[in-house]
């Protein structure tokens, strides 16, 4: 196994899935909900946007792509670590998915308390 600093986002997400799968279904639901909010109301996001590296339109496109992946694969995402990591954490999609992970561990009631620690460590 590679050291953590050599793993890419897909590999980190797969590792998170493999080690602590109990919270993955709730995370997927949370992410779908957040992606839906972003895509349905970009004007609300535009008013408070403060991220100079990405514009709102790019963020909305990432949210839409993540939402479509969740809609397409549904519960299969919570059953396959490879599908989960490939569909939600590959390339630029990882920007939105990692943001969702960070929000999820801050606001959700976790089944496995170590999930938050793993997210902080891996991402």
N, C-alpha and C. Protein backbone atom coordinates (compact mmCIF):
# COMPACT_ATOMS: atom_id res chain seq x y z
N UNK A 1 0.84 -1.18 0.00
CA UNK A 1 0.00 0.00 0.00
C UNK A 1 0.88 1.24 0.00
N UNK A 2 0.46 2.24 -0.75
CA UNK A 2 1.20 3.49 -0.82
C UNK A 2 0.98 4.31 0.44
N UNK A 3 1.89 5.25 0.66
CA UNK A 3 1.70 6.17 1.78
C UNK A 3 0.58 7.15 1.42
N UNK A 4 -0.03 7.72 2.44
CA UNK A 4 -1.19 8.59 2.26
C UNK A 4 -0.89 9.77 1.34
N UNK A 5 0.29 10.34 1.44
CA UNK A 5 0.62 11.50 0.61
C UNK A 5 0.78 11.16 -0.87
N UNK A 6 0.87 9.87 -1.20
CA UNK A 6 1.00 9.46 -2.59
C UNK A 6 -0.33 8.99 -3.20
N UNK A 7 -1.38 8.89 -2.37
CA UNK A 7 -2.68 8.46 -2.87
C UNK A 7 -3.40 9.63 -3.54
N UNK A 8 -4.11 9.35 -4.63
CA UNK A 8 -4.93 10.39 -5.24
C UNK A 8 -6.32 10.37 -4.60
N UNK A 9 -7.19 11.27 -5.02
CA UNK A 9 -8.51 11.38 -4.39
C UNK A 9 -9.36 10.13 -4.58
N UNK A 10 -9.28 9.50 -5.73
CA UNK A 10 -10.04 8.27 -5.97
C UNK A 10 -9.57 7.18 -5.00
N UNK A 11 -8.29 7.04 -4.84
CA UNK A 11 -7.74 6.02 -3.94
C UNK A 11 -8.08 6.32 -2.48
N UNK A 12 -8.05 7.59 -2.10
CA UNK A 12 -8.42 7.97 -0.74
C UNK A 12 -9.89 7.68 -0.46
N UNK A 13 -10.74 8.00 -1.43
CA UNK A 13 -12.18 7.75 -1.27
C UNK A 13 -12.45 6.25 -1.18
N UNK A 14 -11.76 5.46 -1.97
CA UNK A 14 -11.92 4.00 -1.93
C UNK A 14 -11.48 3.47 -0.57
N UNK A 15 -10.40 3.98 -0.05
CA UNK A 15 -9.91 3.57 1.26
C UNK A 15 -10.92 3.94 2.35
N UNK A 16 -11.45 5.13 2.28
CA UNK A 16 -12.48 5.57 3.24
C UNK A 16 -13.68 4.63 3.17
N UNK A 17 -14.12 4.32 1.97
CA UNK A 17 -15.24 3.41 1.76
C UNK A 17 -14.94 2.03 2.36
N UNK A 18 -13.77 1.51 2.09
CA UNK A 18 -13.40 0.16 2.55
C UNK A 18 -13.26 0.09 4.07
N UNK A 19 -12.72 1.13 4.68
CA UNK A 19 -12.48 1.12 6.12
C UNK A 19 -13.72 1.42 6.94
N UNK A 20 -14.55 2.35 6.47
CA UNK A 20 -15.68 2.83 7.27
C UNK A 20 -16.94 2.96 6.41
N UNK A 21 -17.52 1.85 5.99
CA UNK A 21 -18.64 1.92 5.05
C UNK A 21 -19.99 2.32 5.66
N UNK A 22 -20.12 2.31 6.96
CA UNK A 22 -21.43 2.53 7.61
C UNK A 22 -22.05 3.88 7.28
N UNK A 23 -21.24 4.91 7.11
CA UNK A 23 -21.76 6.25 6.86
C UNK A 23 -21.83 6.62 5.38
N UNK A 24 -21.43 5.73 4.52
CA UNK A 24 -21.42 6.04 3.08
C UNK A 24 -22.82 6.29 2.53
N UNK A 25 -23.82 5.48 2.83
CA UNK A 25 -25.17 5.77 2.29
C UNK A 25 -25.70 7.15 2.71
N UNK A 26 -25.50 7.51 3.97
CA UNK A 26 -25.95 8.82 4.45
C UNK A 26 -25.15 9.94 3.77
N UNK A 27 -23.86 9.72 3.54
CA UNK A 27 -23.05 10.72 2.84
C UNK A 27 -23.56 10.91 1.40
N UNK A 28 -23.89 9.83 0.74
CA UNK A 28 -24.39 9.93 -0.64
C UNK A 28 -25.70 10.72 -0.67
N UNK A 29 -26.60 10.44 0.27
CA UNK A 29 -27.86 11.18 0.35
C UNK A 29 -27.61 12.66 0.63
N UNK A 30 -26.69 12.94 1.53
CA UNK A 30 -26.33 14.33 1.87
C UNK A 30 -25.78 15.04 0.64
N UNK A 31 -24.90 14.38 -0.07
CA UNK A 31 -24.27 14.95 -1.26
C UNK A 31 -25.31 15.21 -2.35
N UNK A 32 -26.21 14.27 -2.55
CA UNK A 32 -27.26 14.45 -3.55
C UNK A 32 -28.12 15.66 -3.21
N UNK A 33 -28.46 15.80 -1.94
CA UNK A 33 -29.27 16.93 -1.50
C UNK A 33 -28.54 18.25 -1.70
N UNK A 34 -27.27 18.30 -1.32
CA UNK A 34 -26.49 19.52 -1.48
C UNK A 34 -26.30 19.87 -2.95
N UNK A 35 -26.04 18.86 -3.78
CA UNK A 35 -25.86 19.10 -5.21
C UNK A 35 -27.16 19.62 -5.82
N UNK A 36 -28.26 19.09 -5.38
CA UNK A 36 -29.56 19.55 -5.88
C UNK A 36 -29.82 21.01 -5.50
N UNK A 37 -29.48 21.36 -4.27
CA UNK A 37 -29.65 22.75 -3.81
C UNK A 37 -28.80 23.70 -4.66
N UNK A 38 -27.57 23.32 -4.92
CA UNK A 38 -26.66 24.17 -5.70
C UNK A 38 -27.18 24.36 -7.12
N UNK A 39 -27.62 23.27 -7.74
CA UNK A 39 -28.05 23.37 -9.13
C UNK A 39 -29.40 24.06 -9.28
N UNK A 40 -30.25 23.94 -8.28
CA UNK A 40 -31.58 24.56 -8.38
C UNK A 40 -31.58 26.05 -8.05
N UNK A 41 -30.60 26.50 -7.28
CA UNK A 41 -30.60 27.91 -6.89
C UNK A 41 -29.19 28.51 -6.94
N UNK A 42 -28.60 28.61 -8.12
CA UNK A 42 -27.25 29.16 -8.21
C UNK A 42 -27.19 30.65 -7.86
N UNK A 43 -28.30 31.37 -7.98
CA UNK A 43 -28.29 32.80 -7.66
C UNK A 43 -28.04 33.04 -6.17
N UNK A 44 -28.59 32.20 -5.32
CA UNK A 44 -28.35 32.32 -3.88
C UNK A 44 -26.86 32.09 -3.58
N UNK A 45 -26.28 31.14 -4.28
CA UNK A 45 -24.86 30.85 -4.12
C UNK A 45 -24.01 32.01 -4.65
N UNK A 46 -24.42 32.56 -5.77
CA UNK A 46 -23.68 33.65 -6.41
C UNK A 46 -23.55 34.86 -5.48
N UNK A 47 -24.59 35.14 -4.69
CA UNK A 47 -24.59 36.30 -3.79
C UNK A 47 -23.51 36.22 -2.72
N UNK A 48 -23.19 35.01 -2.27
CA UNK A 48 -22.21 34.88 -1.18
C UNK A 48 -20.92 34.16 -1.59
N UNK A 49 -20.71 34.00 -2.89
CA UNK A 49 -19.54 33.29 -3.39
C UNK A 49 -18.26 34.06 -3.10
N UNK A 50 -17.26 33.38 -2.51
CA UNK A 50 -16.00 34.04 -2.16
C UNK A 50 -14.78 33.21 -2.54
N UNK A 51 -14.93 32.30 -3.45
CA UNK A 51 -13.83 31.43 -3.84
C UNK A 51 -13.24 31.89 -5.17
N UNK A 52 -12.08 32.52 -5.14
CA UNK A 52 -11.51 33.07 -6.38
C UNK A 52 -10.99 32.00 -7.35
N UNK A 53 -10.70 30.80 -6.88
CA UNK A 53 -10.15 29.78 -7.76
C UNK A 53 -11.19 29.17 -8.70
N UNK A 54 -12.45 29.20 -8.30
CA UNK A 54 -13.54 28.66 -9.11
C UNK A 54 -14.65 29.69 -9.21
N UNK A 55 -15.29 29.74 -10.35
CA UNK A 55 -16.46 30.61 -10.44
C UNK A 55 -17.72 29.80 -10.13
N UNK A 56 -18.79 30.48 -9.92
CA UNK A 56 -20.05 29.83 -9.54
C UNK A 56 -20.51 28.86 -10.61
N UNK A 57 -20.35 29.22 -11.87
CA UNK A 57 -20.80 28.36 -12.96
C UNK A 57 -20.07 27.01 -12.94
N UNK A 58 -18.78 27.04 -12.67
CA UNK A 58 -18.01 25.80 -12.60
C UNK A 58 -18.50 24.95 -11.42
N UNK A 59 -18.75 25.59 -10.28
CA UNK A 59 -19.23 24.88 -9.10
C UNK A 59 -20.59 24.22 -9.39
N UNK A 60 -21.44 24.94 -10.07
CA UNK A 60 -22.76 24.40 -10.43
C UNK A 60 -22.61 23.21 -11.37
N UNK A 61 -21.70 23.31 -12.34
CA UNK A 61 -21.46 22.18 -13.25
C UNK A 61 -20.95 20.95 -12.50
N UNK A 62 -20.05 21.17 -11.55
CA UNK A 62 -19.55 20.05 -10.73
C UNK A 62 -20.69 19.43 -9.92
N UNK A 63 -21.51 20.28 -9.31
CA UNK A 63 -22.65 19.79 -8.52
C UNK A 63 -23.60 19.00 -9.41
N UNK A 64 -23.85 19.50 -10.60
CA UNK A 64 -24.75 18.82 -11.53
C UNK A 64 -24.19 17.45 -11.92
N UNK A 65 -22.90 17.39 -12.20
CA UNK A 65 -22.27 16.12 -12.59
C UNK A 65 -22.34 15.10 -11.45
N UNK A 66 -22.08 15.56 -10.22
CA UNK A 66 -22.17 14.67 -9.06
C UNK A 66 -23.61 14.21 -8.87
N UNK A 67 -24.55 15.12 -8.98
CA UNK A 67 -25.96 14.78 -8.84
C UNK A 67 -26.37 13.73 -9.88
N UNK A 68 -25.96 13.93 -11.12
CA UNK A 68 -26.29 12.98 -12.18
C UNK A 68 -25.69 11.60 -11.92
N UNK A 69 -24.47 11.56 -11.42
CA UNK A 69 -23.83 10.27 -11.10
C UNK A 69 -24.61 9.55 -10.00
N UNK A 70 -25.02 10.29 -8.98
CA UNK A 70 -25.78 9.69 -7.88
C UNK A 70 -27.13 9.21 -8.39
N UNK A 71 -27.76 10.00 -9.22
CA UNK A 71 -29.06 9.62 -9.78
C UNK A 71 -28.92 8.37 -10.67
N UNK A 72 -27.86 8.33 -11.45
CA UNK A 72 -27.65 7.21 -12.38
C UNK A 72 -27.36 5.90 -11.65
N UNK A 73 -26.48 5.95 -10.67
CA UNK A 73 -26.03 4.72 -10.02
C UNK A 73 -26.77 4.39 -8.73
N UNK A 74 -27.41 5.36 -8.13
CA UNK A 74 -28.23 5.13 -6.94
C UNK A 74 -27.54 4.33 -5.85
N UNK A 75 -28.22 3.31 -5.36
CA UNK A 75 -27.71 2.53 -4.23
C UNK A 75 -26.47 1.71 -4.57
N UNK A 76 -26.18 1.56 -5.86
CA UNK A 76 -24.96 0.84 -6.25
C UNK A 76 -23.71 1.55 -5.72
N UNK A 77 -23.80 2.87 -5.57
CA UNK A 77 -22.65 3.64 -5.07
C UNK A 77 -22.29 3.25 -3.65
N UNK A 78 -23.27 2.85 -2.86
CA UNK A 78 -22.99 2.49 -1.47
C UNK A 78 -22.62 1.01 -1.32
N UNK A 79 -22.63 0.29 -2.43
CA UNK A 79 -22.29 -1.14 -2.40
C UNK A 79 -20.92 -1.45 -3.01
N UNK A 80 -20.42 -0.53 -3.81
CA UNK A 80 -19.15 -0.75 -4.50
C UNK A 80 -18.20 0.42 -4.25
N UNK A 81 -17.11 0.13 -3.57
CA UNK A 81 -16.11 1.15 -3.30
C UNK A 81 -15.49 1.71 -4.56
N UNK A 82 -15.30 0.85 -5.55
CA UNK A 82 -14.69 1.29 -6.80
C UNK A 82 -15.64 2.24 -7.54
N UNK A 83 -16.91 1.89 -7.61
CA UNK A 83 -17.89 2.74 -8.28
C UNK A 83 -18.03 4.07 -7.53
N UNK A 84 -18.14 4.00 -6.22
CA UNK A 84 -18.25 5.18 -5.36
C UNK A 84 -17.09 6.15 -5.62
N UNK A 85 -15.89 5.64 -5.53
CA UNK A 85 -14.72 6.50 -5.66
C UNK A 85 -14.53 6.99 -7.10
N UNK A 86 -14.75 6.13 -8.08
CA UNK A 86 -14.57 6.53 -9.48
C UNK A 86 -15.60 7.57 -9.92
N UNK A 87 -16.83 7.43 -9.49
CA UNK A 87 -17.89 8.32 -9.96
C UNK A 87 -17.93 9.66 -9.22
N UNK A 88 -17.51 9.68 -7.96
CA UNK A 88 -17.65 10.90 -7.17
C UNK A 88 -16.33 11.63 -6.88
N UNK A 89 -15.20 10.96 -7.06
CA UNK A 89 -13.94 11.57 -6.65
C UNK A 89 -12.88 11.63 -7.75
N UNK A 90 -13.28 11.41 -8.97
CA UNK A 90 -12.33 11.46 -10.07
C UNK A 90 -12.23 12.88 -10.62
N UNK A 91 -11.04 13.32 -10.87
CA UNK A 91 -10.80 14.63 -11.48
C UNK A 91 -11.37 15.78 -10.67
N UNK A 92 -11.95 16.74 -11.38
CA UNK A 92 -12.48 17.94 -10.72
C UNK A 92 -13.71 17.66 -9.86
N UNK A 93 -14.39 16.54 -10.10
CA UNK A 93 -15.55 16.19 -9.28
C UNK A 93 -15.16 16.08 -7.81
N UNK A 94 -13.91 15.74 -7.57
CA UNK A 94 -13.43 15.61 -6.19
C UNK A 94 -13.55 16.93 -5.43
N UNK A 95 -13.45 18.06 -6.13
CA UNK A 95 -13.59 19.35 -5.46
C UNK A 95 -14.95 19.44 -4.76
N UNK A 96 -15.99 19.10 -5.48
CA UNK A 96 -17.33 19.17 -4.90
C UNK A 96 -17.55 18.06 -3.87
N UNK A 97 -17.13 16.85 -4.20
CA UNK A 97 -17.35 15.71 -3.29
C UNK A 97 -16.58 15.85 -1.98
N UNK A 98 -15.37 16.35 -2.04
CA UNK A 98 -14.60 16.55 -0.81
C UNK A 98 -15.26 17.65 0.03
N UNK A 99 -15.73 18.70 -0.63
CA UNK A 99 -16.47 19.74 0.10
C UNK A 99 -17.67 19.12 0.81
N UNK A 100 -18.40 18.26 0.11
CA UNK A 100 -19.56 17.59 0.72
C UNK A 100 -19.14 16.71 1.89
N UNK A 101 -18.04 16.00 1.74
CA UNK A 101 -17.53 15.18 2.85
C UNK A 101 -17.25 16.03 4.08
N UNK A 102 -16.59 17.14 3.86
CA UNK A 102 -16.25 18.02 4.98
C UNK A 102 -17.49 18.60 5.63
N UNK A 103 -18.49 18.95 4.84
CA UNK A 103 -19.75 19.45 5.41
C UNK A 103 -20.51 18.34 6.12
N UNK A 104 -20.49 17.16 5.53
CA UNK A 104 -21.19 16.01 6.10
C UNK A 104 -20.68 15.68 7.50
N UNK A 105 -19.37 15.60 7.67
CA UNK A 105 -18.84 15.23 8.98
C UNK A 105 -19.05 16.33 10.02
N UNK A 106 -19.26 17.57 9.57
CA UNK A 106 -19.53 18.67 10.50
C UNK A 106 -20.99 18.70 10.95
N UNK A 107 -21.91 18.28 10.08
CA UNK A 107 -23.33 18.49 10.34
C UNK A 107 -24.17 17.23 10.54
N UNK A 108 -23.67 16.09 10.14
CA UNK A 108 -24.47 14.87 10.22
C UNK A 108 -24.18 14.10 11.50
N UNK A 109 -25.15 13.32 11.89
CA UNK A 109 -24.94 12.40 13.01
C UNK A 109 -24.35 11.13 12.42
N UNK A 110 -23.13 10.84 12.77
CA UNK A 110 -22.40 9.73 12.17
C UNK A 110 -22.64 8.43 12.93
N UNK A 111 -22.72 7.34 12.19
CA UNK A 111 -22.82 6.01 12.80
C UNK A 111 -21.48 5.59 13.38
N UNK A 112 -20.43 6.00 12.70
CA UNK A 112 -19.06 5.64 13.08
C UNK A 112 -18.28 6.93 13.34
N UNK A 113 -17.95 7.19 14.59
CA UNK A 113 -17.28 8.45 14.94
C UNK A 113 -15.91 8.60 14.27
N UNK A 114 -15.28 7.51 13.94
CA UNK A 114 -13.96 7.57 13.30
C UNK A 114 -14.06 8.05 11.85
N UNK A 115 -15.25 8.09 11.28
CA UNK A 115 -15.44 8.56 9.92
C UNK A 115 -14.96 10.00 9.79
N UNK A 116 -15.28 10.83 10.76
CA UNK A 116 -14.85 12.24 10.74
C UNK A 116 -13.33 12.33 10.78
N UNK A 117 -12.72 11.56 11.65
CA UNK A 117 -11.26 11.56 11.76
C UNK A 117 -10.63 11.11 10.45
N UNK A 118 -11.20 10.11 9.82
CA UNK A 118 -10.67 9.61 8.55
C UNK A 118 -10.78 10.67 7.46
N UNK A 119 -11.91 11.36 7.41
CA UNK A 119 -12.09 12.42 6.41
C UNK A 119 -11.05 13.52 6.63
N UNK A 120 -10.87 13.91 7.88
CA UNK A 120 -9.88 14.95 8.19
C UNK A 120 -8.47 14.49 7.82
N UNK A 121 -8.17 13.25 8.05
CA UNK A 121 -6.85 12.70 7.74
C UNK A 121 -6.63 12.55 6.23
N UNK A 122 -7.61 11.99 5.56
CA UNK A 122 -7.45 11.68 4.14
C UNK A 122 -7.60 12.90 3.23
N UNK A 123 -8.48 13.83 3.61
CA UNK A 123 -8.78 14.95 2.72
C UNK A 123 -8.46 16.29 3.36
